């Protein structure tokens, strides 16, 4: 804008003619800036809406010999990975325009940018992702099957679609369609520590023991002997002769799988937006406060229960002592009456003898 004002302030016609081309270029650059406004005669100021003035190219994606033609806006907005793909490649040379590390992304583009060839992904998986990014039917909202949400979760994790990843996690968690074993397996592969904890807790607390197939599926992850550790915790729960405290299984799981869960949480943080991370921290803090309040509540209830037990025990002891005292008084009274009776009979016999 400074350049435009400067050019408008010039009084020399020759200078304006010489810089006319530069003026047009500067005007075009300024118009592309967010919030740029232009005075339209008779209509007031025209402004670009920052949120909904979308300047997007269209790209053709190739997945398993199937072509998809889509705007690049959501790919660039939601994924830093595609932001680099459609923007500036990591080791791009300004003189040649080549990108040395293109292969590391799993995509190969023709030099004119006409096709993005996506490797290592199936057509149905990519289509599931597009149902979230570009839904074709808004009447029923985004409705995907369990397998489709799992595919979205895989793809969004692979390409760092943080918002889409959180959406898929929330949808699968809310549906309750994942078994404990599925939660552990998916949580390990896709860096979701809460699913691993929930899945392990579910296997510890359920009635059915771990089957052979489940044991093989669980222990296929870096030989961590998951099935054996879960069986140990289950054995402790089933053979305990004293009541276990609330959340006992969670404490044991965090102790047995501490190192793995710590690594998972570190990797999980890489797939969270700053806002989501702050929200997770706030939820974790709120959860800790709730758990602390519950712990205090249970402790207070236990204290009151113990006091009630002591009160009842004391009352029973006092009642027993009173009953024993009454029994002794009755026995003493009986002895006294028996003694009086013996004295009366003895006096009667003496009187009869004298008479």
Protein backbone atom coordinates (compact mmCIF):
# COMPACT_ATOMS: atom_id res chain seq x y z
CA UNK A 1 0.00 0.00 0.00
CA UNK A 2 2.92 2.31 0.67
CA UNK A 3 4.10 1.82 -2.92
CA UNK A 4 0.66 2.71 -4.29
CA UNK A 5 0.42 5.88 -2.21
CA UNK A 6 3.91 6.84 -3.30
CA UNK A 7 3.10 6.38 -6.96
CA UNK A 8 -0.17 8.29 -6.64
CA UNK A 9 1.68 11.18 -5.04
CA UNK A 10 4.01 11.56 -7.99
CA UNK A 11 3.14 14.60 -10.10
CA UNK A 12 5.35 13.87 -13.06
CA UNK A 13 3.48 12.24 -15.94
CA UNK A 14 6.71 10.77 -17.29
CA UNK A 15 7.46 9.03 -14.03
CA UNK A 16 3.95 7.60 -13.90
CA UNK A 17 4.29 6.32 -17.44
CA UNK A 18 7.66 4.77 -16.66
CA UNK A 19 6.34 3.10 -13.52
CA UNK A 20 2.89 2.20 -14.82
CA UNK A 21 3.78 -1.44 -15.23
CA UNK A 22 5.39 -1.58 -11.80
CA UNK A 23 2.25 0.06 -10.36
CA UNK A 24 0.01 -2.64 -11.80
CA UNK A 25 2.22 -5.37 -10.37
CA UNK A 26 2.26 -3.70 -6.96
CA UNK A 27 -1.52 -3.33 -7.03
CA UNK A 28 -1.96 -7.01 -7.85
CA UNK A 29 0.34 -8.02 -4.99
CA UNK A 30 -1.51 -5.82 -2.52
CA UNK A 31 -4.89 -7.17 -3.62
CA UNK A 32 -3.73 -10.66 -2.76
CA UNK A 33 -3.06 -9.62 0.84
CA UNK A 34 -5.68 -10.71 3.46
CA UNK A 35 -8.04 -7.93 4.41
CA UNK A 36 -7.28 -5.84 1.31
CA UNK A 37 -10.05 -3.34 0.59
CA UNK A 38 -10.85 -1.51 -2.62
CA UNK A 39 -13.08 1.52 -3.02
CA UNK A 40 -15.86 0.73 -5.47
CA UNK A 41 -17.60 3.85 -6.71
CA UNK A 42 -21.24 3.89 -5.63
CA UNK A 43 -20.96 0.66 -3.60
CA UNK A 44 -18.61 1.56 -0.78
CA UNK A 45 -15.59 -0.46 0.28
CA UNK A 46 -15.18 -4.02 -1.05
CA UNK A 47 -13.18 -6.33 1.15
CA UNK A 48 -11.95 -9.88 0.86
CA UNK A 49 -13.28 -12.09 3.63
CA UNK A 50 -10.23 -13.52 5.34
CA UNK A 51 -11.87 -16.86 6.16
CA UNK A 52 -13.91 -17.50 3.03
CA UNK A 53 -11.98 -15.89 0.19
CA UNK A 54 -10.38 -19.15 -0.83
CA UNK A 55 -7.71 -19.11 -3.50
CA UNK A 56 -7.18 -22.77 -4.33
CA UNK A 57 -5.63 -24.69 -7.19
CA UNK A 58 -7.02 -27.97 -8.45
CA UNK A 59 -4.87 -31.09 -8.42
CA UNK A 60 -5.27 -34.54 -9.89
CA UNK A 61 -4.39 -37.42 -7.56
CA UNK A 62 -3.61 -40.91 -8.81
CA UNK A 63 -4.37 -43.79 -6.44
CA UNK A 64 -4.26 -47.39 -7.70
CA UNK A 65 -4.87 -46.39 -11.33
CA UNK A 66 -7.82 -44.23 -10.30
CA UNK A 67 -7.80 -40.44 -10.75
CA UNK A 68 -9.31 -37.92 -8.30
CA UNK A 69 -9.56 -34.23 -9.26
CA UNK A 70 -9.82 -32.04 -6.16
CA UNK A 71 -9.14 -28.53 -4.85
CA UNK A 72 -5.91 -28.36 -2.88
CA UNK A 73 -7.28 -25.99 -0.21
CA UNK A 74 -8.20 -28.58 2.45
CA UNK A 75 -5.03 -30.61 1.84
CA UNK A 76 -2.86 -27.55 2.41
CA UNK A 77 -4.97 -26.24 5.31
CA UNK A 78 -5.18 -29.50 7.27
CA UNK A 79 -1.86 -31.19 6.48
CA UNK A 80 1.65 -29.72 6.81
CA UNK A 81 2.76 -32.65 4.65
CA UNK A 82 0.65 -31.58 1.67
CA UNK A 83 1.39 -27.94 2.40
CA UNK A 84 5.00 -28.73 1.56
CA UNK A 85 4.02 -30.89 -1.40
CA UNK A 86 2.00 -28.10 -3.03
CA UNK A 87 4.20 -25.33 -1.77
CA UNK A 88 7.97 -25.61 -1.46
CA UNK A 89 9.71 -28.96 -1.39
CA UNK A 90 12.29 -29.30 1.44
CA UNK A 91 15.46 -29.25 -0.69
CA UNK A 92 14.11 -27.34 -3.65
CA UNK A 93 16.70 -25.49 -5.70
CA UNK A 94 15.61 -22.10 -6.91
CA UNK A 95 17.67 -22.32 -10.06
CA UNK A 96 16.45 -25.72 -11.30
CA UNK A 97 13.18 -26.10 -9.44
CA UNK A 98 14.06 -29.71 -8.65
CA UNK A 99 13.33 -31.43 -5.36
CA UNK A 100 15.88 -33.98 -4.20
CA UNK A 101 13.77 -35.49 -1.40
CA UNK A 102 10.48 -35.94 -3.26
CA UNK A 103 10.69 -39.72 -2.94
CA UNK A 104 10.76 -39.52 0.85
CA UNK A 105 7.18 -38.27 0.82
CA UNK A 106 5.81 -41.20 -1.18
CA UNK A 107 4.53 -38.91 -3.95
CA UNK A 108 5.91 -38.28 -7.39
CA UNK A 109 4.70 -35.35 -9.42
CA UNK A 110 5.14 -34.53 -13.04
CA UNK A 111 7.04 -31.33 -13.53
CA UNK A 112 3.96 -29.43 -14.63
CA UNK A 113 2.15 -30.45 -11.41
CA UNK A 114 -0.65 -32.15 -13.34
CA UNK A 115 -0.76 -35.42 -11.36
CA UNK A 116 0.08 -36.31 -7.77
CA UNK A 117 0.82 -40.04 -7.66
CA UNK A 118 0.09 -41.28 -4.13
CA UNK A 119 1.99 -44.43 -3.21
CA UNK A 120 1.34 -46.87 -0.38
CA UNK A 121 -2.38 -46.14 -0.05
CA UNK A 122 -5.47 -47.93 -1.28
CA UNK A 123 -8.22 -46.27 -3.26
CA UNK A 124 -10.90 -46.99 -0.65
CA UNK A 125 -8.71 -45.52 2.10
CA UNK A 126 -8.20 -42.31 0.14
CA UNK A 127 -11.91 -42.15 -0.66
CA UNK A 128 -12.72 -42.47 3.05
CA UNK A 129 -10.46 -39.49 3.75
CA UNK A 130 -12.20 -37.48 1.00
CA UNK A 131 -15.59 -38.18 2.58
CA UNK A 132 -14.34 -36.17 5.55
CA UNK A 133 -12.49 -33.44 3.65
CA UNK A 134 -15.02 -32.99 0.83
CA UNK A 135 -18.39 -34.55 1.82
CA UNK A 136 -20.70 -34.88 -1.18
CA UNK A 137 -23.90 -35.09 0.86
CA UNK A 138 -24.36 -32.64 3.72
CA UNK A 139 -27.92 -33.73 4.53
CA UNK A 140 -26.92 -36.63 6.76
CA UNK A 141 -23.58 -35.21 7.90
CA UNK A 142 -20.41 -37.30 7.86
CA UNK A 143 -21.49 -40.91 8.35
CA UNK A 144 -18.79 -43.53 7.90
CA UNK A 145 -18.59 -47.19 8.84
CA UNK A 146 -16.15 -48.52 11.40
CA UNK A 147 -13.72 -49.72 8.72
CA UNK A 148 -13.90 -46.35 6.96
CA UNK A 149 -13.12 -44.42 10.16
CA UNK A 150 -10.20 -46.78 10.80
CA UNK A 151 -8.95 -46.07 7.26
CA UNK A 152 -9.32 -42.32 7.88
CA UNK A 153 -7.33 -42.72 11.09
CA UNK A 154 -4.52 -44.57 9.30
CA UNK A 155 -4.29 -42.06 6.43
CA UNK A 156 -4.61 -38.96 8.61
CA UNK A 157 -1.81 -40.24 10.85
CA UNK A 158 0.39 -41.08 7.86
CA UNK A 159 -0.05 -37.62 6.28
CA UNK A 160 -0.38 -35.63 9.51
CA UNK A 161 -3.97 -34.44 9.14
CA UNK A 162 -4.11 -33.55 12.85
CA UNK A 163 -7.72 -32.31 12.93
CA UNK A 164 -9.04 -35.23 10.87
CA UNK A 165 -7.10 -37.66 13.07
CA UNK A 166 -8.70 -36.27 16.23
CA UNK A 167 -12.13 -36.47 14.56
CA UNK A 168 -11.62 -40.14 13.65
CA UNK A 169 -10.39 -40.95 17.18
CA UNK A 170 -13.45 -39.27 18.67
CA UNK A 171 -15.89 -41.00 16.33
CA UNK A 172 -14.44 -44.47 16.93
CA UNK A 173 -14.30 -43.90 20.69
CA UNK A 174 -17.87 -42.63 20.82
CA UNK A 175 -19.21 -45.52 18.72
CA UNK A 176 -17.83 -48.08 21.19
CA UNK A 177 -17.26 -50.49 18.30
CA UNK A 178 -13.63 -51.29 19.08
CA UNK A 179 -12.81 -54.33 21.19
CA UNK A 180 -10.12 -54.11 23.90
CA UNK A 181 -7.64 -55.95 21.67
CA UNK A 182 -8.39 -53.64 18.72
CA UNK A 183 -7.81 -50.61 20.94
CA UNK A 184 -4.41 -51.91 22.02
CA UNK A 185 -3.32 -52.86 18.48
CA UNK A 186 -4.53 -49.63 16.85
CA UNK A 187 -3.31 -47.51 19.74
CA UNK A 188 0.20 -48.90 19.35
CA UNK A 189 0.30 -48.56 15.57
CA UNK A 190 -1.22 -45.07 15.46
CA UNK A 191 0.17 -43.58 18.69
CA UNK A 192 -3.00 -43.35 20.83
CA UNK A 193 -1.90 -43.98 24.40
CA UNK A 194 -5.39 -43.68 25.90
CA UNK A 195 -6.64 -46.54 23.71
CA UNK A 196 -3.79 -48.76 24.85
CA UNK A 197 -4.63 -48.07 28.50
CA UNK A 198 -8.36 -48.60 27.95
CA UNK A 199 -7.81 -51.81 25.98
CA UNK A 200 -5.48 -53.29 28.59
CA UNK A 201 -7.89 -52.33 31.39
CA UNK A 202 -10.75 -53.93 29.47
CA UNK A 203 -8.87 -57.21 29.14
CA UNK A 204 -7.95 -57.19 32.84
CA UNK A 205 -11.49 -56.52 34.05
CA UNK A 206 -13.50 -58.69 31.65
CA UNK A 207 -14.66 -62.18 32.56
CA UNK A 208 -13.20 -64.00 29.55
CA UNK A 209 -9.48 -64.85 29.60
CA UNK A 210 -7.21 -63.90 26.71
CA UNK A 211 -7.60 -66.32 23.81
CA UNK A 212 -4.68 -67.77 21.83
CA UNK A 213 -5.49 -65.63 18.77
CA UNK A 214 -5.67 -62.48 20.90
CA UNK A 215 -2.34 -63.35 22.51
CA UNK A 216 -0.67 -63.73 19.10
CA UNK A 217 -2.20 -60.45 17.89
CA UNK A 218 -1.13 -58.57 21.02
CA UNK A 219 2.42 -59.93 21.16
CA UNK A 220 3.13 -59.22 17.49
CA UNK A 221 4.18 -55.73 18.64
CA UNK A 222 7.90 -55.77 19.45
CA UNK A 223 7.61 -58.87 21.66
CA UNK A 224 6.47 -56.96 24.75
CA UNK A 225 4.74 -60.05 26.22
CA UNK A 226 1.48 -58.18 26.56
CA UNK A 227 -0.68 -61.26 27.02
CA UNK A 228 1.55 -62.57 29.82
CA UNK A 229 1.60 -59.24 31.67
CA UNK A 230 -2.17 -58.85 31.38
CA UNK A 231 -2.61 -62.41 32.67
CA UNK A 232 -0.45 -61.57 35.70
CA UNK A 233 -2.60 -58.54 36.51
CA UNK A 234 -5.80 -60.57 35.99
CA UNK A 235 -4.46 -63.28 38.32
CA UNK A 236 -3.79 -60.67 40.99
CA UNK A 237 -7.33 -59.37 40.68
CA UNK A 238 -8.97 -62.79 40.74
CA UNK A 239 -6.93 -64.22 43.64
CA UNK A 240 -6.99 -61.15 45.87
CA UNK A 241 -8.49 -61.93 49.29
CA UNK A 242 -9.01 -58.26 50.18
CA UNK A 243 -11.12 -55.63 48.40
CA UNK A 244 -9.08 -53.81 45.74
CA UNK A 245 -9.05 -50.03 45.63
CA UNK A 246 -10.85 -48.17 42.87
CA UNK A 247 -8.72 -47.91 39.71
CA UNK A 248 -6.36 -50.65 40.88
CA UNK A 249 -6.06 -52.15 37.39
CA UNK A 250 -5.06 -48.76 35.90
CA UNK A 251 -2.30 -48.39 38.49
CA UNK A 252 -0.97 -51.87 37.72
CA UNK A 253 -1.14 -51.32 33.95
CA UNK A 254 0.75 -48.03 34.20
CA UNK A 255 3.36 -49.79 36.32
CA UNK A 256 3.82 -52.80 34.01
CA UNK A 257 3.69 -50.81 30.73
CA UNK A 258 5.19 -47.54 31.99
CA UNK A 259 8.05 -47.28 29.48
CA UNK A 260 5.88 -48.14 26.47
CA UNK A 261 3.13 -45.69 27.45
CA UNK A 262 5.65 -42.87 27.97
CA UNK A 263 7.09 -43.39 24.48
CA UNK A 264 3.60 -43.55 23.00
CA UNK A 265 2.59 -40.26 24.61
CA UNK A 266 5.72 -38.55 23.30
CA UNK A 267 4.95 -39.74 19.76
CA UNK A 268 1.27 -38.86 20.18
CA UNK A 269 2.11 -35.21 20.92
CA UNK A 270 3.55 -34.86 17.41
CA UNK A 271 0.09 -35.41 15.92
CA UNK A 272 -1.74 -32.81 17.98
CA UNK A 273 -2.39 -29.19 17.12
CA UNK A 274 -1.41 -26.66 19.80
CA UNK A 275 -5.08 -25.97 20.54
CA UNK A 276 -5.84 -29.69 20.82
CA UNK A 277 -2.80 -30.17 23.03
CA UNK A 278 -3.98 -27.40 25.35
CA UNK A 279 -7.44 -28.94 25.39
CA UNK A 280 -5.99 -32.36 26.19
CA UNK A 281 -3.92 -30.86 28.99
CA UNK A 282 -7.01 -29.10 30.35
CA UNK A 283 -9.00 -32.35 30.17
CA UNK A 284 -6.18 -34.24 31.85
CA UNK A 285 -6.04 -31.61 34.59
CA UNK A 286 -9.82 -31.76 35.00
CA UNK A 287 -9.66 -35.57 35.09
CA UNK A 288 -6.94 -35.42 37.74
CA UNK A 289 -9.06 -33.03 39.82
CA UNK A 290 -12.10 -35.29 39.48
CA UNK A 291 -10.03 -38.36 40.43
CA UNK A 292 -8.59 -36.48 43.41
CA UNK A 293 -12.10 -35.45 44.50
CA UNK A 294 -13.28 -39.04 44.09
CA UNK A 295 -10.29 -40.29 46.06
CA UNK A 296 -11.04 -37.86 48.89
CA UNK A 297 -14.70 -38.83 48.74
CA UNK A 298 -13.84 -42.53 48.97
CA UNK A 299 -11.39 -41.83 51.77
CA UNK A 300 -14.02 -39.86 53.70
CA UNK A 301 -16.61 -42.58 53.11
CA UNK A 302 -14.13 -45.21 54.29
CA UNK A 303 -13.35 -43.13 57.40
CA UNK A 304 -17.04 -42.77 58.19
CA UNK A 305 -17.60 -46.47 57.60
CA UNK A 306 -14.73 -47.31 59.96
CA UNK A 307 -16.12 -44.91 62.56
CA UNK A 308 -19.53 -46.53 62.21
CA UNK A 309 -17.99 -49.98 62.62
CA UNK A 310 -16.10 -48.81 65.71
CA UNK A 311 -19.27 -47.24 67.12
CA UNK A 312 -21.24 -50.42 66.56
CA UNK A 313 -18.45 -52.54 68.04
CA UNK A 314 -18.31 -50.26 71.10
CA UNK A 315 -22.09 -50.38 71.46
CA UNK A 316 -22.04 -54.17 71.20
CA UNK A 317 -19.23 -54.35 73.79
CA UNK A 318 -21.14 -52.11 76.19
CA UNK A 319 -24.34 -54.07 75.63
CA UNK A 320 -22.50 -57.32 76.25
CA UNK A 321 -21.01 -55.95 79.47
CA UNK A 322 -24.46 -54.77 80.61
CA UNK A 323 -25.93 -58.13 79.79
CA UNK A 324 -23.19 -59.89 81.75
CA UNK A 325 -23.80 -57.51 84.65
CA UNK A 326 -27.53 -58.29 84.56
CA UNK A 327 -26.75 -62.00 84.46
CA UNK A 328 -24.51 -61.66 87.51
CA UNK A 329 -27.22 -59.71 89.36
CA UNK A 330 -29.77 -62.39 88.52
CA UNK A 331 -27.42 -65.13 89.72
CA UNK A 332 -26.72 -63.18 92.92
CA UNK A 333 -30.43 -62.72 93.48
CA UNK A 334 -31.00 -66.43 92.95
CA UNK A 335 -28.26 -67.28 95.44
CA UNK A 336 -29.76 -64.90 97.97
CA UNK A 337 -33.22 -66.42 97.56
CA UNK A 338 -31.81 -69.93 97.79
CA UNK A 339 -29.95 -68.97 101.00
CA UNK A 340 -33.09 -67.46 102.51
CA UNK A 341 -35.03 -70.59 101.59
CA UNK A 342 -32.43 -72.83 103.18
CA UNK A 343 -32.47 -70.70 106.36
CA UNK A 344 -36.30 -70.85 106.44
CA UNK A 345 -36.31 -74.63 106.01
CA UNK A 346 -33.63 -75.01 108.65
CA UNK A 347 -35.62 -72.88 111.11
CA UNK A 348 -38.74 -74.88 110.30
CA UNK A 349 -36.99 -78.16 111.05
CA UNK A 350 -35.62 -76.79 114.32
CA UNK A 351 -39.09 -75.62 115.35
CA UNK A 352 -40.59 -78.98 114.48
CA UNK A 353 -37.98 -80.79 116.52
CA UNK A 354 -38.58 -78.60 119.60
CA UNK A 355 -42.32 -78.97 119.26
